[in-house]
């Protein structure tokens, strides 16, 4: 199979000049399945252009509405295949990631999203277990027990927090199109999207393997949002979609304590 025949595309969201972007690119072009790769950016510059030229990758520039949600929506529609993974520039993907997503899609073609488990990257360390990862793995138990087709099952996995790692997700573009992401939110744009999708017919397909690495570092938006308490505020907004006010507040506070392991 060639990339022209591929049904999967990695859309690498590149922003300004990330020291991790090249490692990210290397991980997505060295897959066992021949995925296509496109760079999407709203901040075009020589740094991104040189890397794109070095690895022969096409660049699509978002010249429209900007913001985290708008950038994600632009990336979602930038692919030209049935499956699209929105890649965060700081993260890496194990060689078997795309092959596993394609196989899962072929088994469950009704999937809205498909995603594996993940590990953290902290400096040169690969971290597979900490408090946050244990909590998120536990919250996914409804999707490990079933195919994630029932609305109840999908929403049960989201009721206590967001256990789905955003850059780990592959979208079925035949069933999921923009607009999907909330451009007013700064942190929970992904949890918002999963909650919206949980109401639609189709699977949340979980592949119980650690197939990608999510980088934790001081410059990440997630770390910044935890430090300025924005994440807790947005968590509360999402939790209100599942719970009465007083329960949502309590869960948001508990989630904030578990998120401390996300800080560097």
C-alpha atoms as a PDB file:
ATOM      1  CA  UNK A   1       0.000   0.000   0.000  1.00  0.00           C
ATOM      2  CA  UNK A   2       1.158   3.555  -0.773  1.00  0.00           C
ATOM      3  CA  UNK A   3       0.281   6.838   0.906  1.00  0.00           C
ATOM      4  CA  UNK A   4      -1.991   7.616  -2.052  1.00  0.00           C
ATOM      5  CA  UNK A   5      -4.109   4.603  -1.049  1.00  0.00           C
ATOM      6  CA  UNK A   6      -4.038   5.425   2.659  1.00  0.00           C
ATOM      7  CA  UNK A   7      -7.285   6.090   4.517  1.00  0.00           C
ATOM      8  CA  UNK A   8      -5.537   7.871   7.398  1.00  0.00           C
ATOM      9  CA  UNK A   9      -3.933  11.319   7.694  1.00  0.00           C
ATOM     10  CA  UNK A  10      -1.938  12.916  10.485  1.00  0.00           C
ATOM     11  CA  UNK A  11      -2.609  16.665  10.637  1.00  0.00           C
ATOM     12  CA  UNK A  12       0.273  18.174  12.613  1.00  0.00           C
ATOM     13  CA  UNK A  13      -0.818  21.407  14.298  1.00  0.00           C
ATOM     14  CA  UNK A  14       2.316  23.561  14.310  1.00  0.00           C
ATOM     15  CA  UNK A  15       2.463  26.770  16.342  1.00  0.00           C
ATOM     16  CA  UNK A  16       5.364  29.254  16.241  1.00  0.00           C
ATOM     17  CA  UNK A  17       8.694  27.427  16.856  1.00  0.00           C
ATOM     18  CA  UNK A  18       8.445  24.307  18.993  1.00  0.00           C
ATOM     19  CA  UNK A  19      11.651  22.522  19.962  1.00  0.00           C
ATOM     20  CA  UNK A  20       9.698  19.256  19.839  1.00  0.00           C
ATOM     21  CA  UNK A  21       8.147  19.630  16.377  1.00  0.00           C
ATOM     22  CA  UNK A  22      10.803  17.684  14.474  1.00  0.00           C
ATOM     23  CA  UNK A  23      10.600  14.685  16.830  1.00  0.00           C
ATOM     24  CA  UNK A  24       6.828  14.772  16.403  1.00  0.00           C
ATOM     25  CA  UNK A  25       7.149  14.797  12.601  1.00  0.00           C
ATOM     26  CA  UNK A  26       9.612  11.901  12.655  1.00  0.00           C
ATOM     27  CA  UNK A  27       7.188   9.817  14.717  1.00  0.00           C
ATOM     28  CA  UNK A  28       4.264  10.264  12.310  1.00  0.00           C
ATOM     29  CA  UNK A  29       6.251   9.635   9.120  1.00  0.00           C
ATOM     30  CA  UNK A  30       7.775   6.454  10.542  1.00  0.00           C
ATOM     31  CA  UNK A  31       4.568   4.491  10.988  1.00  0.00           C
ATOM     32  CA  UNK A  32       4.103   0.851  10.013  1.00  0.00           C
ATOM     33  CA  UNK A  33       0.976   1.955   8.107  1.00  0.00           C
ATOM     34  CA  UNK A  34       1.650   4.541   5.341  1.00  0.00           C
ATOM     35  CA  UNK A  35      -0.362   7.449   6.728  1.00  0.00           C
ATOM     36  CA  UNK A  36      -0.428  10.751   4.916  1.00  0.00           C
ATOM     37  CA  UNK A  37       1.028  13.739   6.793  1.00  0.00           C
ATOM     38  CA  UNK A  38       0.027  17.402   6.519  1.00  0.00           C
ATOM     39  CA  UNK A  39       1.158  20.372   8.629  1.00  0.00           C
ATOM     40  CA  UNK A  40      -1.555  22.880   9.555  1.00  0.00           C
ATOM     41  CA  UNK A  41      -0.665  26.242  11.075  1.00  0.00           C
ATOM     42  CA  UNK A  42      -2.043  29.703  11.772  1.00  0.00           C
ATOM     43  CA  UNK A  43       1.491  31.006  12.463  1.00  0.00           C
ATOM     44  CA  UNK A  44       3.491  30.317   9.267  1.00  0.00           C
ATOM     45  CA  UNK A  45       7.220  30.975   9.619  1.00  0.00           C
ATOM     46  CA  UNK A  46      10.622  29.908   8.275  1.00  0.00           C
ATOM     47  CA  UNK A  47      11.083  27.338  11.053  1.00  0.00           C
ATOM     48  CA  UNK A  48       7.942  25.418  10.055  1.00  0.00           C
ATOM     49  CA  UNK A  49       8.649  25.852   6.331  1.00  0.00           C
ATOM     50  CA  UNK A  50      12.168  24.439   6.615  1.00  0.00           C
ATOM     51  CA  UNK A  51      10.955  21.344   8.487  1.00  0.00           C
ATOM     52  CA  UNK A  52       8.151  20.847   5.980  1.00  0.00           C
ATOM     53  CA  UNK A  53      10.624  21.051   3.108  1.00  0.00           C
ATOM     54  CA  UNK A  54      13.099  18.741   4.861  1.00  0.00           C
ATOM     55  CA  UNK A  55      10.496  16.001   5.244  1.00  0.00           C
ATOM     56  CA  UNK A  56       8.530  16.786   2.076  1.00  0.00           C
ATOM     57  CA  UNK A  57       5.315  17.619   3.918  1.00  0.00           C
ATOM     58  CA  UNK A  58       2.563  19.847   2.563  1.00  0.00           C
ATOM     59  CA  UNK A  59       1.610  22.880   4.692  1.00  0.00           C
ATOM     60  CA  UNK A  60      -1.945  24.224   4.956  1.00  0.00           C
ATOM     61  CA  UNK A  61      -2.258  27.710   6.433  1.00  0.00           C
ATOM     62  CA  UNK A  62      -5.288  28.752   8.443  1.00  0.00           C
ATOM     63  CA  UNK A  63      -5.931  32.330   7.320  1.00  0.00           C
ATOM     64  CA  UNK A  64      -9.416  32.434   8.810  1.00  0.00           C
ATOM     65  CA  UNK A  65     -10.637  32.469  12.371  1.00  0.00           C
ATOM     66  CA  UNK A  66      -7.965  31.609  14.932  1.00  0.00           C
ATOM     67  CA  UNK A  67      -8.023  30.259  18.471  1.00  0.00           C
ATOM     68  CA  UNK A  68      -7.585  26.747  19.855  1.00  0.00           C
ATOM     69  CA  UNK A  69     -11.039  25.540  18.822  1.00  0.00           C
ATOM     70  CA  UNK A  70     -10.825  27.177  15.386  1.00  0.00           C
ATOM     71  CA  UNK A  71      -7.373  25.678  14.799  1.00  0.00           C
ATOM     72  CA  UNK A  72      -8.689  22.225  15.695  1.00  0.00           C
ATOM     73  CA  UNK A  73     -11.674  22.616  13.363  1.00  0.00           C
ATOM     74  CA  UNK A  74      -9.344  23.751  10.566  1.00  0.00           C
ATOM     75  CA  UNK A  75      -7.166  20.678  11.133  1.00  0.00           C
ATOM     76  CA  UNK A  76     -10.199  18.377  11.150  1.00  0.00           C
ATOM     77  CA  UNK A  77     -11.244  19.507   7.681  1.00  0.00           C
ATOM     78  CA  UNK A  78      -7.676  19.676   6.315  1.00  0.00           C
ATOM     79  CA  UNK A  79      -7.406  15.925   5.837  1.00  0.00           C
ATOM     80  CA  UNK A  80      -8.539  14.170   2.666  1.00  0.00           C
ATOM     81  CA  UNK A  81      -9.084  10.695   4.078  1.00  0.00           C
ATOM     82  CA  UNK A  82     -11.727   8.834   6.077  1.00  0.00           C
ATOM     83  CA  UNK A  83      -9.579   8.991   9.207  1.00  0.00           C
ATOM     84  CA  UNK A  84      -7.801  12.065  10.605  1.00  0.00           C
ATOM     85  CA  UNK A  85      -5.630  12.427  13.691  1.00  0.00           C
ATOM     86  CA  UNK A  86      -5.062  15.974  14.969  1.00  0.00           C
ATOM     87  CA  UNK A  87      -1.462  15.938  16.171  1.00  0.00           C
ATOM     88  CA  UNK A  88      -0.158  18.287  18.858  1.00  0.00           C
ATOM     89  CA  UNK A  89       3.346  19.384  17.937  1.00  0.00           C
ATOM     90  CA  UNK A  90       4.927  18.402  21.261  1.00  0.00           C
ATOM     91  CA  UNK A  91       3.765  14.785  21.246  1.00  0.00           C
ATOM     92  CA  UNK A  92       4.993  11.575  19.626  1.00  0.00           C
ATOM     93  CA  UNK A  93       3.313   8.488  18.184  1.00  0.00           C
ATOM     94  CA  UNK A  94       4.512   4.902  18.457  1.00  0.00           C
ATOM     95  CA  UNK A  95       5.165   3.225  15.059  1.00  0.00           C
ATOM     96  CA  UNK A  96       2.051   1.046  15.314  1.00  0.00           C
ATOM     97  CA  UNK A  97      -0.390   3.865  16.155  1.00  0.00           C
ATOM     98  CA  UNK A  98      -1.987   4.444  12.757  1.00  0.00           C
ATOM     99  CA  UNK A  99      -2.088   0.747  11.890  1.00  0.00           C
ATOM    100  CA  UNK A 100      -3.991   0.053  15.118  1.00  0.00           C
ATOM    101  CA  UNK A 101      -6.464   2.886  14.415  1.00  0.00           C
ATOM    102  CA  UNK A 102      -7.099   1.702  10.849  1.00  0.00           C
ATOM    103  CA  UNK A 103      -7.674  -1.883  11.999  1.00  0.00           C
ATOM    104  CA  UNK A 104     -10.075  -0.707  14.718  1.00  0.00           C
ATOM    105  CA  UNK A 105     -11.964   1.394  12.157  1.00  0.00           C
ATOM    106  CA  UNK A 106     -12.232  -1.559   9.777  1.00  0.00           C
ATOM    107  CA  UNK A 107     -13.684  -3.606  12.634  1.00  0.00           C
ATOM    108  CA  UNK A 108     -15.997  -0.815  13.832  1.00  0.00           C
ATOM    109  CA  UNK A 109     -16.724   1.401  10.781  1.00  0.00           C
ATOM    110  CA  UNK A 110     -19.537   3.093  12.720  1.00  0.00           C
ATOM    111  CA  UNK A 111     -16.961   4.744  15.005  1.00  0.00           C
ATOM    112  CA  UNK A 112     -17.125   8.478  15.627  1.00  0.00           C
ATOM    113  CA  UNK A 113     -13.696   8.529  17.244  1.00  0.00           C
ATOM    114  CA  UNK A 114     -11.010   5.915  17.848  1.00  0.00           C
ATOM    115  CA  UNK A 115      -8.230   6.265  20.372  1.00  0.00           C
ATOM    116  CA  UNK A 116      -5.638   4.253  22.302  1.00  0.00           C
ATOM    117  CA  UNK A 117      -4.260   4.602  25.806  1.00  0.00           C
ATOM    118  CA  UNK A 118      -1.216   6.850  26.203  1.00  0.00           C
ATOM    119  CA  UNK A 119       1.822   7.588  28.356  1.00  0.00           C
ATOM    120  CA  UNK A 120       3.486  10.839  29.397  1.00  0.00           C
ATOM    121  CA  UNK A 121       6.806  12.290  28.311  1.00  0.00           C
ATOM    122  CA  UNK A 122       8.600  14.291  30.991  1.00  0.00           C
ATOM    123  CA  UNK A 123      11.967  15.408  29.716  1.00  0.00           C
ATOM    124  CA  UNK A 124      13.733  12.207  28.664  1.00  0.00           C
ATOM    125  CA  UNK A 125      11.494  10.047  30.844  1.00  0.00           C
ATOM    126  CA  UNK A 126       8.624   7.881  29.599  1.00  0.00           C
ATOM    127  CA  UNK A 127       6.025   7.790  32.397  1.00  0.00           C
ATOM    128  CA  UNK A 128       3.393   5.058  32.176  1.00  0.00           C
ATOM    129  CA  UNK A 129       1.961   5.281  35.692  1.00  0.00           C
ATOM    130  CA  UNK A 130       1.081   8.188  37.963  1.00  0.00           C
ATOM    131  CA  UNK A 131      -2.053   9.333  39.782  1.00  0.00           C
ATOM    132  CA  UNK A 132      -3.561  11.144  36.817  1.00  0.00           C
ATOM    133  CA  UNK A 133      -2.954   8.290  34.364  1.00  0.00           C
ATOM    134  CA  UNK A 134      -4.434   5.773  36.805  1.00  0.00           C
ATOM    135  CA  UNK A 135      -7.562   7.910  37.238  1.00  0.00           C
ATOM    136  CA  UNK A 136      -8.022   8.355  33.487  1.00  0.00           C
ATOM    137  CA  UNK A 137      -7.480   4.649  32.826  1.00  0.00           C
ATOM    138  CA  UNK A 138     -10.118   3.831  35.447  1.00  0.00           C
ATOM    139  CA  UNK A 139     -12.634   6.267  33.929  1.00  0.00           C
ATOM    140  CA  UNK A 140     -12.403   4.414  30.625  1.00  0.00           C
ATOM    141  CA  UNK A 141     -13.743   1.174  32.110  1.00  0.00           C
ATOM    142  CA  UNK A 142     -17.176   1.502  30.399  1.00  0.00           C
ATOM    143  CA  UNK A 143     -15.454   1.589  26.994  1.00  0.00           C
ATOM    144  CA  UNK A 144     -13.253  -1.384  27.850  1.00  0.00           C
ATOM    145  CA  UNK A 145     -16.277  -3.489  28.739  1.00  0.00           C
ATOM    146  CA  UNK A 146     -18.283  -2.717  25.572  1.00  0.00           C
ATOM    147  CA  UNK A 147     -17.732  -1.309  22.076  1.00  0.00           C
ATOM    148  CA  UNK A 148     -18.760   2.174  23.227  1.00  0.00           C
ATOM    149  CA  UNK A 149     -21.813   2.323  20.993  1.00  0.00           C
ATOM    150  CA  UNK A 150     -24.476   3.076  23.580  1.00  0.00           C
ATOM    151  CA  UNK A 151     -25.085   6.711  24.506  1.00  0.00           C
ATOM    152  CA  UNK A 152     -25.147   5.703  28.197  1.00  0.00           C
ATOM    153  CA  UNK A 153     -21.727   4.039  27.931  1.00  0.00           C
ATOM    154  CA  UNK A 154     -20.116   6.975  26.124  1.00  0.00           C
ATOM    155  CA  UNK A 155     -21.461   9.504  28.610  1.00  0.00           C
ATOM    156  CA  UNK A 156     -20.607   7.346  31.606  1.00  0.00           C
ATOM    157  CA  UNK A 157     -16.940   7.506  30.607  1.00  0.00           C
ATOM    158  CA  UNK A 158     -17.116  11.339  30.603  1.00  0.00           C
ATOM    159  CA  UNK A 159     -19.187  11.990  33.730  1.00  0.00           C
ATOM    160  CA  UNK A 160     -16.307  12.388  36.193  1.00  0.00           C
ATOM    161  CA  UNK A 161     -13.643  13.973  33.992  1.00  0.00           C
ATOM    162  CA  UNK A 162     -12.034  13.783  30.579  1.00  0.00           C
ATOM    163  CA  UNK A 163     -10.204  10.450  30.269  1.00  0.00           C
ATOM    164  CA  UNK A 164      -9.638  10.754  26.505  1.00  0.00           C
ATOM    165  CA  UNK A 165      -6.262  12.196  25.528  1.00  0.00           C
ATOM    166  CA  UNK A 166      -7.018  14.695  22.737  1.00  0.00           C
ATOM    167  CA  UNK A 167      -3.929  14.077  20.533  1.00  0.00           C
ATOM    168  CA  UNK A 168      -4.520  10.313  20.801  1.00  0.00           C
ATOM    169  CA  UNK A 169      -7.868  10.609  18.998  1.00  0.00           C
ATOM    170  CA  UNK A 170      -8.514   9.642  15.384  1.00  0.00           C
ATOM    171  CA  UNK A 171     -11.719  11.058  13.865  1.00  0.00           C
ATOM    172  CA  UNK A 172     -13.982   9.350  11.356  1.00  0.00           C
ATOM    173  CA  UNK A 173     -14.502  12.266   8.973  1.00  0.00           C
ATOM    174  CA  UNK A 174     -17.455  10.501   7.346  1.00  0.00           C
ATOM    175  CA  UNK A 175     -19.363  11.020  10.590  1.00  0.00           C
ATOM    176  CA  UNK A 176     -17.594  13.942  12.291  1.00  0.00           C
ATOM    177  CA  UNK A 177     -17.153  17.317  10.590  1.00  0.00           C
ATOM    178  CA  UNK A 178     -16.496  20.853  11.818  1.00  0.00           C
ATOM    179  CA  UNK A 179     -17.621  22.927  13.532  1.00  0.00           C
ATOM    180  CA  UNK A 180     -17.029  20.692  16.542  1.00  0.00           C
ATOM    181  CA  UNK A 181     -14.661  22.452  18.937  1.00  0.00           C
ATOM    182  CA  UNK A 182     -15.620  25.390  21.182  1.00  0.00           C
ATOM    183  CA  UNK A 183     -13.457  28.405  20.358  1.00  0.00           C
ATOM    184  CA  UNK A 184     -14.335  30.228  23.584  1.00  0.00           C
ATOM    185  CA  UNK A 185     -12.711  27.569  25.758  1.00  0.00           C
ATOM    186  CA  UNK A 186      -8.952  27.484  26.292  1.00  0.00           C
ATOM    187  CA  UNK A 187      -8.528  24.087  27.937  1.00  0.00           C
ATOM    188  CA  UNK A 188     -11.601  21.849  27.675  1.00  0.00           C
ATOM    189  CA  UNK A 189     -12.209  22.215  23.939  1.00  0.00           C
ATOM    190  CA  UNK A 190     -11.696  18.457  23.595  1.00  0.00           C
ATOM    191  CA  UNK A 191     -13.928  17.393  26.499  1.00  0.00           C
ATOM    192  CA  UNK A 192     -16.618  19.657  25.052  1.00  0.00           C
ATOM    193  CA  UNK A 193     -16.238  17.871  21.706  1.00  0.00           C
ATOM    194  CA  UNK A 194     -16.485  14.401  23.268  1.00  0.00           C
ATOM    195  CA  UNK A 195     -19.618  15.440  25.168  1.00  0.00           C
ATOM    196  CA  UNK A 196     -21.227  16.700  21.949  1.00  0.00           C
ATOM    197  CA  UNK A 197     -20.280  13.519  20.088  1.00  0.00           C
ATOM    198  CA  UNK A 198     -21.510  11.304  22.939  1.00  0.00           C
ATOM    199  CA  UNK A 199     -25.058  12.337  22.029  1.00  0.00           C
ATOM    200  CA  UNK A 200     -24.714  11.137  18.422  1.00  0.00           C
ATOM    201  CA  UNK A 201     -25.107   7.592  17.050  1.00  0.00           C
ATOM    202  CA  UNK A 202     -21.789   5.802  16.632  1.00  0.00           C
ATOM    203  CA  UNK A 203     -18.952   4.238  18.590  1.00  0.00           C
ATOM    204  CA  UNK A 204     -16.294   5.616  20.876  1.00  0.00           C
ATOM    205  CA  UNK A 205     -13.744   2.935  20.026  1.00  0.00           C
ATOM    206  CA  UNK A 206     -11.011   2.463  22.636  1.00  0.00           C
ATOM    207  CA  UNK A 207      -7.879   0.468  21.761  1.00  0.00           C
ATOM    208  CA  UNK A 208      -6.412  -0.670  25.067  1.00  0.00           C
ATOM    209  CA  UNK A 209      -2.736  -0.192  24.184  1.00  0.00           C
ATOM    210  CA  UNK A 210      -0.349   2.664  25.009  1.00  0.00           C
ATOM    211  CA  UNK A 211       0.463   3.936  21.519  1.00  0.00           C
ATOM    212  CA  UNK A 212       1.333   7.607  21.902  1.00  0.00           C
ATOM    213  CA  UNK A 213       3.266   9.892  24.218  1.00  0.00           C
ATOM    214  CA  UNK A 214       1.790  13.141  25.541  1.00  0.00           C
ATOM    215  CA  UNK A 215       4.503  15.616  26.542  1.00  0.00           C
ATOM    216  CA  UNK A 216       4.261  17.467  29.841  1.00  0.00           C
ATOM    217  CA  UNK A 217       6.387  20.605  30.020  1.00  0.00           C
ATOM    218  CA  UNK A 218       6.245  24.117  31.479  1.00  0.00           C
ATOM    219  CA  UNK A 219       5.376  25.738  28.153  1.00  0.00           C
ATOM    220  CA  UNK A 220       2.318  23.585  27.419  1.00  0.00           C
ATOM    221  CA  UNK A 221      -1.136  25.170  27.426  1.00  0.00           C
ATOM    222  CA  UNK A 222      -2.419  22.479  29.788  1.00  0.00           C
ATOM    223  CA  UNK A 223       0.230  23.298  32.400  1.00  0.00           C
ATOM    224  CA  UNK A 224      -0.490  27.035  32.102  1.00  0.00           C
ATOM    225  CA  UNK A 225      -4.234  26.505  32.433  1.00  0.00           C
ATOM    226  CA  UNK A 226      -3.825  24.386  35.561  1.00  0.00           C
ATOM    227  CA  UNK A 227      -1.602  27.009  37.143  1.00  0.00           C
ATOM    228  CA  UNK A 228      -4.041  29.883  36.531  1.00  0.00           C
ATOM    229  CA  UNK A 229      -7.067  27.805  37.632  1.00  0.00           C
ATOM    230  CA  UNK A 230      -8.744  28.121  34.225  1.00  0.00           C
ATOM    231  CA  UNK A 231      -8.983  24.353  33.884  1.00  0.00           C
ATOM    232  CA  UNK A 232     -11.076  23.996  37.063  1.00  0.00           C
ATOM    233  CA  UNK A 233     -13.521  26.666  35.851  1.00  0.00           C
ATOM    234  CA  UNK A 234     -13.995  25.004  32.479  1.00  0.00           C
ATOM    235  CA  UNK A 235     -14.224  21.534  34.057  1.00  0.00           C
ATOM    236  CA  UNK A 236     -17.124  22.818  36.129  1.00  0.00           C
ATOM    237  CA  UNK A 237     -18.890  24.099  32.993  1.00  0.00           C
ATOM    238  CA  UNK A 238     -18.683  20.674  31.346  1.00  0.00           C
ATOM    239  CA  UNK A 239     -19.611  18.762  34.492  1.00  0.00           C
ATOM    240  CA  UNK A 240     -22.815  20.809  34.710  1.00  0.00           C
ATOM    241  CA  UNK A 241     -23.944  18.946  31.577  1.00  0.00           C
ATOM    242  CA  UNK A 242     -23.903  15.705  33.558  1.00  0.00           C
ATOM    243  CA  UNK A 243     -24.642  16.662  37.172  1.00  0.00           C
ATOM    244  CA  UNK A 244     -26.584  19.084  39.393  1.00  0.00           C
ATOM    245  CA  UNK A 245     -24.606  22.179  40.392  1.00  0.00           C
ATOM    246  CA  UNK A 246     -23.461  21.079  43.853  1.00  0.00           C
ATOM    247  CA  UNK A 247     -22.185  17.714  42.595  1.00  0.00           C
ATOM    248  CA  UNK A 248     -20.445  19.315  39.605  1.00  0.00           C
ATOM    249  CA  UNK A 249     -18.568  21.698  41.932  1.00  0.00           C
ATOM    250  CA  UNK A 250     -17.421  18.849  44.153  1.00  0.00           C
ATOM    251  CA  UNK A 251     -16.172  16.731  41.233  1.00  0.00           C
ATOM    252  CA  UNK A 252     -14.356  19.745  39.713  1.00  0.00           C
ATOM    253  CA  UNK A 253     -12.467  20.240  42.982  1.00  0.00           C
ATOM    254  CA  UNK A 254     -11.522  16.560  43.133  1.00  0.00           C
ATOM    255  CA  UNK A 255     -10.371  16.664  39.504  1.00  0.00           C
ATOM    256  CA  UNK A 256      -8.200  19.683  40.268  1.00  0.00           C
ATOM    257  CA  UNK A 257      -6.350  17.698  42.949  1.00  0.00           C
ATOM    258  CA  UNK A 258      -5.659  14.795  40.591  1.00  0.00           C
ATOM    259  CA  UNK A 259      -4.420  17.197  37.892  1.00  0.00           C
ATOM    260  CA  UNK A 260      -1.527  18.293  40.132  1.00  0.00           C
ATOM    261  CA  UNK A 261       0.484  15.428  38.668  1.00  0.00           C
ATOM    262  CA  UNK A 262       0.250  17.215  35.315  1.00  0.00           C
ATOM    263  CA  UNK A 263       2.490  19.979  36.607  1.00  0.00           C
ATOM    264  CA  UNK A 264       6.226  19.905  36.034  1.00  0.00           C
END
